[in-house]
Amino acid sequence: MTSSSLLPLIETMAKERGVESAVIIAALEDAMLTASRKYYKSSEDLRAKFNAESGQIELYAVKHIVDTVANPATEISLDADVLARLDELFPPPGPNGPKPAPEAYAW
């Protein structure tokens, strides 16, 4: 398909078939996930999610953040530069501006 939104097509198909749009979206997500697993032939934990805002089906891999990677298919390690950048992008909330996050929430 082109980069245009799938939403109008989904709504049209749902109306023609007499089903909820959510049923078609779930089927498309499952189909994308199945095709991706076959194409990438990986043991990664892949997820597919329909983005209603963009009208696209997004595919992503879920990985656990660890200090030392034992299984690259399911784990990822973040270096100090990446962690510093994450703190810039997502500063913790505070009444007088960003403050250090509690230990439980620190990167």
N, C-alpha and C. Protein backbone atom coordinates (compact mmCIF):
# COMPACT_ATOMS: atom_id res chain seq x y z
N MET A 1 0.83 -1.17 0.00
CA MET A 1 0.00 0.00 0.00
C MET A 1 0.88 1.25 0.00
N THR A 2 0.32 2.32 -0.35
CA THR A 2 1.05 3.58 -0.31
C THR A 2 1.10 4.08 1.12
N SER A 3 1.72 5.23 1.32
CA SER A 3 1.86 5.76 2.67
C SER A 3 0.59 6.45 3.18
N SER A 4 -0.50 6.37 2.44
CA SER A 4 -1.74 7.01 2.89
C SER A 4 -2.37 6.21 4.03
N SER A 5 -3.30 6.83 4.71
CA SER A 5 -3.94 6.24 5.86
C SER A 5 -4.80 5.03 5.49
N LEU A 6 -4.74 4.02 6.35
CA LEU A 6 -5.57 2.83 6.18
C LEU A 6 -6.97 3.03 6.75
N LEU A 7 -7.13 4.03 7.59
CA LEU A 7 -8.38 4.20 8.31
C LEU A 7 -9.62 4.31 7.41
N PRO A 8 -9.60 5.12 6.34
CA PRO A 8 -10.79 5.17 5.47
C PRO A 8 -11.12 3.81 4.85
N LEU A 9 -10.08 3.06 4.48
CA LEU A 9 -10.31 1.73 3.90
C LEU A 9 -10.90 0.78 4.94
N ILE A 10 -10.39 0.86 6.16
CA ILE A 10 -10.90 0.01 7.24
C ILE A 10 -12.36 0.32 7.53
N GLU A 11 -12.68 1.60 7.61
CA GLU A 11 -14.06 2.00 7.89
C GLU A 11 -15.01 1.57 6.79
N THR A 12 -14.57 1.70 5.53
CA THR A 12 -15.40 1.26 4.41
C THR A 12 -15.63 -0.24 4.46
N MET A 13 -14.56 -1.01 4.70
CA MET A 13 -14.68 -2.46 4.76
C MET A 13 -15.57 -2.88 5.92
N ALA A 14 -15.43 -2.23 7.06
CA ALA A 14 -16.25 -2.56 8.23
C ALA A 14 -17.72 -2.32 7.92
N LYS A 15 -18.03 -1.22 7.25
CA LYS A 15 -19.41 -0.91 6.91
C LYS A 15 -19.97 -1.93 5.93
N GLU A 16 -19.17 -2.29 4.92
CA GLU A 16 -19.62 -3.27 3.92
C GLU A 16 -19.86 -4.64 4.53
N ARG A 17 -18.99 -5.03 5.47
CA ARG A 17 -19.08 -6.36 6.08
C ARG A 17 -19.99 -6.41 7.30
N GLY A 18 -20.39 -5.23 7.79
CA GLY A 18 -21.25 -5.19 8.97
C GLY A 18 -20.54 -5.58 10.25
N VAL A 19 -19.27 -5.23 10.37
CA VAL A 19 -18.51 -5.53 11.58
C VAL A 19 -17.91 -4.24 12.13
N GLU A 20 -17.43 -4.29 13.34
CA GLU A 20 -16.77 -3.14 13.95
C GLU A 20 -15.39 -2.96 13.33
N SER A 21 -14.96 -1.72 13.24
CA SER A 21 -13.62 -1.41 12.72
C SER A 21 -12.54 -2.10 13.55
N ALA A 22 -12.77 -2.22 14.85
CA ALA A 22 -11.78 -2.84 15.73
C ALA A 22 -11.48 -4.28 15.33
N VAL A 23 -12.47 -4.99 14.80
CA VAL A 23 -12.27 -6.37 14.36
C VAL A 23 -11.31 -6.41 13.18
N ILE A 24 -11.49 -5.52 12.24
CA ILE A 24 -10.62 -5.46 11.07
C ILE A 24 -9.22 -5.00 11.46
N ILE A 25 -9.14 -4.03 12.35
CA ILE A 25 -7.84 -3.55 12.81
C ILE A 25 -7.07 -4.68 13.50
N ALA A 26 -7.74 -5.44 14.35
CA ALA A 26 -7.09 -6.57 15.03
C ALA A 26 -6.60 -7.61 14.02
N ALA A 27 -7.39 -7.87 12.99
CA ALA A 27 -6.99 -8.83 11.96
C ALA A 27 -5.77 -8.33 11.19
N LEU A 28 -5.75 -7.03 10.89
CA LEU A 28 -4.60 -6.45 10.18
C LEU A 28 -3.34 -6.48 11.04
N GLU A 29 -3.48 -6.18 12.34
CA GLU A 29 -2.34 -6.24 13.24
C GLU A 29 -1.78 -7.66 13.31
N ASP A 30 -2.68 -8.65 13.43
CA ASP A 30 -2.25 -10.05 13.49
C ASP A 30 -1.57 -10.47 12.19
N ALA A 31 -2.12 -10.04 11.06
CA ALA A 31 -1.53 -10.39 9.77
C ALA A 31 -0.14 -9.77 9.62
N MET A 32 0.01 -8.51 10.02
CA MET A 32 1.31 -7.84 9.94
C MET A 32 2.32 -8.55 10.83
N LEU A 33 1.90 -8.93 12.02
CA LEU A 33 2.78 -9.62 12.95
C LEU A 33 3.22 -10.98 12.41
N THR A 34 2.28 -11.72 11.86
CA THR A 34 2.60 -13.03 11.29
C THR A 34 3.56 -12.90 10.11
N ALA A 35 3.29 -11.96 9.23
CA ALA A 35 4.17 -11.75 8.07
C ALA A 35 5.56 -11.30 8.50
N SER A 36 5.63 -10.45 9.50
CA SER A 36 6.92 -9.95 9.98
C SER A 36 7.74 -11.06 10.62
N ARG A 37 7.10 -11.92 11.39
CA ARG A 37 7.83 -13.04 12.00
C ARG A 37 8.38 -13.98 10.94
N LYS A 38 7.62 -14.21 9.90
CA LYS A 38 8.10 -15.07 8.80
C LYS A 38 9.24 -14.40 8.05
N TYR A 39 9.13 -13.10 7.79
CA TYR A 39 10.13 -12.38 7.02
C TYR A 39 11.45 -12.26 7.79
N TYR A 40 11.37 -11.85 9.05
CA TYR A 40 12.58 -11.60 9.84
C TYR A 40 13.17 -12.87 10.45
N LYS A 41 12.39 -13.95 10.54
CA LYS A 41 12.85 -15.23 11.08
C LYS A 41 13.65 -15.01 12.36
N SER A 42 13.02 -14.35 13.31
CA SER A 42 13.69 -13.96 14.54
C SER A 42 12.90 -14.43 15.74
N SER A 43 13.60 -14.55 16.87
CA SER A 43 12.91 -14.91 18.12
C SER A 43 12.57 -13.68 18.94
N GLU A 44 12.68 -12.50 18.32
CA GLU A 44 12.33 -11.26 19.02
C GLU A 44 10.85 -11.24 19.37
N ASP A 45 10.54 -10.52 20.44
CA ASP A 45 9.16 -10.33 20.87
C ASP A 45 8.59 -9.15 20.07
N LEU A 46 8.00 -9.45 18.92
CA LEU A 46 7.48 -8.41 18.03
C LEU A 46 6.04 -8.08 18.40
N ARG A 47 5.67 -6.82 18.20
CA ARG A 47 4.31 -6.35 18.44
C ARG A 47 3.87 -5.48 17.26
N ALA A 48 2.61 -5.55 16.92
CA ALA A 48 2.03 -4.71 15.87
C ALA A 48 0.90 -3.91 16.50
N LYS A 49 0.82 -2.64 16.14
CA LYS A 49 -0.20 -1.77 16.71
C LYS A 49 -0.66 -0.78 15.66
N PHE A 50 -1.96 -0.66 15.50
CA PHE A 50 -2.51 0.32 14.56
C PHE A 50 -2.46 1.70 15.20
N ASN A 51 -1.87 2.65 14.50
CA ASN A 51 -1.80 4.03 14.98
C ASN A 51 -2.91 4.81 14.28
N ALA A 52 -3.97 5.11 15.01
CA ALA A 52 -5.12 5.79 14.42
C ALA A 52 -4.77 7.20 13.96
N GLU A 53 -3.79 7.81 14.61
CA GLU A 53 -3.40 9.18 14.24
C GLU A 53 -2.74 9.22 12.86
N SER A 54 -1.84 8.26 12.60
CA SER A 54 -1.16 8.24 11.31
C SER A 54 -1.85 7.34 10.30
N GLY A 55 -2.70 6.42 10.79
CA GLY A 55 -3.37 5.49 9.89
C GLY A 55 -2.46 4.38 9.42
N GLN A 56 -1.38 4.13 10.13
CA GLN A 56 -0.40 3.12 9.76
C GLN A 56 -0.37 2.01 10.81
N ILE A 57 0.08 0.84 10.41
CA ILE A 57 0.32 -0.24 11.36
C ILE A 57 1.80 -0.19 11.69
N GLU A 58 2.09 -0.03 12.98
CA GLU A 58 3.48 0.08 13.43
C GLU A 58 3.93 -1.26 13.98
N LEU A 59 5.16 -1.62 13.69
CA LEU A 59 5.75 -2.86 14.16
C LEU A 59 6.95 -2.51 15.02
N TYR A 60 7.06 -3.13 16.17
CA TYR A 60 8.20 -2.87 17.02
C TYR A 60 8.55 -4.12 17.82
N ALA A 61 9.80 -4.14 18.31
CA ALA A 61 10.29 -5.24 19.12
C ALA A 61 10.36 -4.79 20.57
N VAL A 62 9.94 -5.65 21.48
CA VAL A 62 10.01 -5.36 22.91
C VAL A 62 11.29 -6.00 23.44
N LYS A 63 12.10 -5.18 24.12
CA LYS A 63 13.36 -5.67 24.69
C LYS A 63 13.47 -5.19 26.13
N HIS A 64 14.15 -5.98 26.93
CA HIS A 64 14.41 -5.62 28.32
C HIS A 64 15.75 -4.90 28.39
N ILE A 65 15.82 -3.83 29.17
CA ILE A 65 17.06 -3.09 29.35
C ILE A 65 17.85 -3.76 30.47
N VAL A 66 19.08 -4.16 30.14
CA VAL A 66 19.94 -4.85 31.10
C VAL A 66 21.33 -4.23 31.07
N ASP A 67 22.13 -4.51 32.11
CA ASP A 67 23.51 -4.02 32.13
C ASP A 67 24.38 -4.80 31.16
N THR A 68 24.23 -6.12 31.16
CA THR A 68 25.01 -6.99 30.28
C THR A 68 24.05 -7.82 29.45
N VAL A 69 24.17 -7.74 28.15
CA VAL A 69 23.27 -8.45 27.25
C VAL A 69 23.67 -9.92 27.16
N ALA A 70 22.74 -10.81 27.50
CA ALA A 70 22.96 -12.25 27.38
C ALA A 70 22.23 -12.79 26.15
N ASN A 71 21.08 -12.18 25.80
CA ASN A 71 20.29 -12.63 24.66
C ASN A 71 19.92 -11.41 23.82
N PRO A 72 20.64 -11.13 22.73
CA PRO A 72 20.37 -9.93 21.92
C PRO A 72 18.96 -9.87 21.33
N ALA A 73 18.29 -11.00 21.23
CA ALA A 73 16.93 -11.00 20.68
C ALA A 73 15.92 -10.42 21.65
N THR A 74 16.22 -10.48 22.95
CA THR A 74 15.26 -10.02 23.95
C THR A 74 15.80 -8.95 24.89
N GLU A 75 17.11 -8.63 24.78
CA GLU A 75 17.71 -7.67 25.71
C GLU A 75 18.50 -6.60 24.96
N ILE A 76 18.64 -5.44 25.61
CA ILE A 76 19.43 -4.34 25.07
C ILE A 76 20.11 -3.63 26.24
N SER A 77 21.29 -3.11 25.97
CA SER A 77 22.03 -2.36 26.97
C SER A 77 22.13 -0.91 26.51
N LEU A 78 21.99 0.02 27.43
CA LEU A 78 22.06 1.43 27.09
C LEU A 78 23.33 2.03 27.68
N ASP A 79 24.10 2.73 26.85
CA ASP A 79 25.32 3.37 27.36
C ASP A 79 24.99 4.72 27.98
N ALA A 80 25.96 5.34 28.60
CA ALA A 80 25.76 6.60 29.33
C ALA A 80 25.25 7.71 28.43
N ASP A 81 25.72 7.78 27.18
CA ASP A 81 25.26 8.82 26.25
C ASP A 81 23.77 8.70 25.96
N VAL A 82 23.31 7.48 25.74
CA VAL A 82 21.88 7.25 25.47
C VAL A 82 21.06 7.60 26.70
N LEU A 83 21.52 7.22 27.87
CA LEU A 83 20.78 7.53 29.10
C LEU A 83 20.71 9.04 29.33
N ALA A 84 21.79 9.75 29.06
CA ALA A 84 21.78 11.22 29.22
C ALA A 84 20.79 11.84 28.25
N ARG A 85 20.73 11.35 27.04
CA ARG A 85 19.79 11.87 26.04
C ARG A 85 18.35 11.59 26.45
N LEU A 86 18.09 10.42 27.03
CA LEU A 86 16.74 10.10 27.51
C LEU A 86 16.32 11.06 28.62
N ASP A 87 17.26 11.39 29.51
CA ASP A 87 16.95 12.35 30.57
C ASP A 87 16.62 13.72 30.00
N GLU A 88 17.27 14.10 28.89
CA GLU A 88 16.95 15.38 28.25
C GLU A 88 15.56 15.34 27.63
N LEU A 89 15.25 14.24 26.95
CA LEU A 89 13.96 14.12 26.27
C LEU A 89 12.79 13.97 27.23
N PHE A 90 13.01 13.27 28.32
CA PHE A 90 11.94 12.97 29.27
C PHE A 90 12.36 13.35 30.69
N PRO A 91 12.46 14.66 30.97
CA PRO A 91 12.86 15.06 32.32
C PRO A 91 11.77 14.70 33.32
N PRO A 92 12.18 14.31 34.51
CA PRO A 92 11.18 13.99 35.53
C PRO A 92 10.42 15.24 35.95
N PRO A 93 9.14 15.11 36.28
CA PRO A 93 8.35 16.29 36.66
C PRO A 93 8.76 16.80 38.03
N GLY A 94 8.54 18.09 38.22
CA GLY A 94 8.82 18.71 39.50
C GLY A 94 8.18 20.08 39.56
N PRO A 95 7.85 20.59 40.76
CA PRO A 95 7.19 21.89 40.87
C PRO A 95 8.07 23.05 40.41
N ASN A 96 9.38 22.93 40.58
CA ASN A 96 10.30 23.99 40.18
C ASN A 96 11.19 23.55 39.03
N GLY A 97 10.65 22.76 38.16
CA GLY A 97 11.44 22.25 37.04
C GLY A 97 11.90 20.83 37.32
N PRO A 98 12.67 20.27 36.41
CA PRO A 98 13.12 18.89 36.58
C PRO A 98 13.94 18.70 37.85
N LYS A 99 13.73 17.58 38.50
CA LYS A 99 14.53 17.20 39.67
C LYS A 99 14.92 15.73 39.49
N PRO A 100 15.89 15.28 40.21
CA PRO A 100 16.31 13.87 40.06
C PRO A 100 15.13 12.92 40.34
N ALA A 101 15.02 11.91 39.52
CA ALA A 101 13.97 10.93 39.71
C ALA A 101 14.27 10.06 40.91
N PRO A 102 13.22 9.57 41.59
CA PRO A 102 13.46 8.62 42.68
C PRO A 102 14.20 7.41 42.13
N GLU A 103 14.94 6.77 42.98
CA GLU A 103 15.77 5.63 42.55
C GLU A 103 14.96 4.59 41.77
N ALA A 104 13.72 4.35 42.18
CA ALA A 104 12.89 3.34 41.52
C ALA A 104 12.56 3.73 40.09
N TYR A 105 12.61 5.03 39.77
CA TYR A 105 12.25 5.49 38.45
C TYR A 105 13.44 6.00 37.66
N ALA A 106 14.61 5.95 38.22
CA ALA A 106 15.80 6.46 37.53
C ALA A 106 16.17 5.52 36.39
N TRP A 107 16.69 6.09 35.34
CA TRP A 107 17.15 5.28 34.23
C TRP A 107 18.34 4.50 34.72
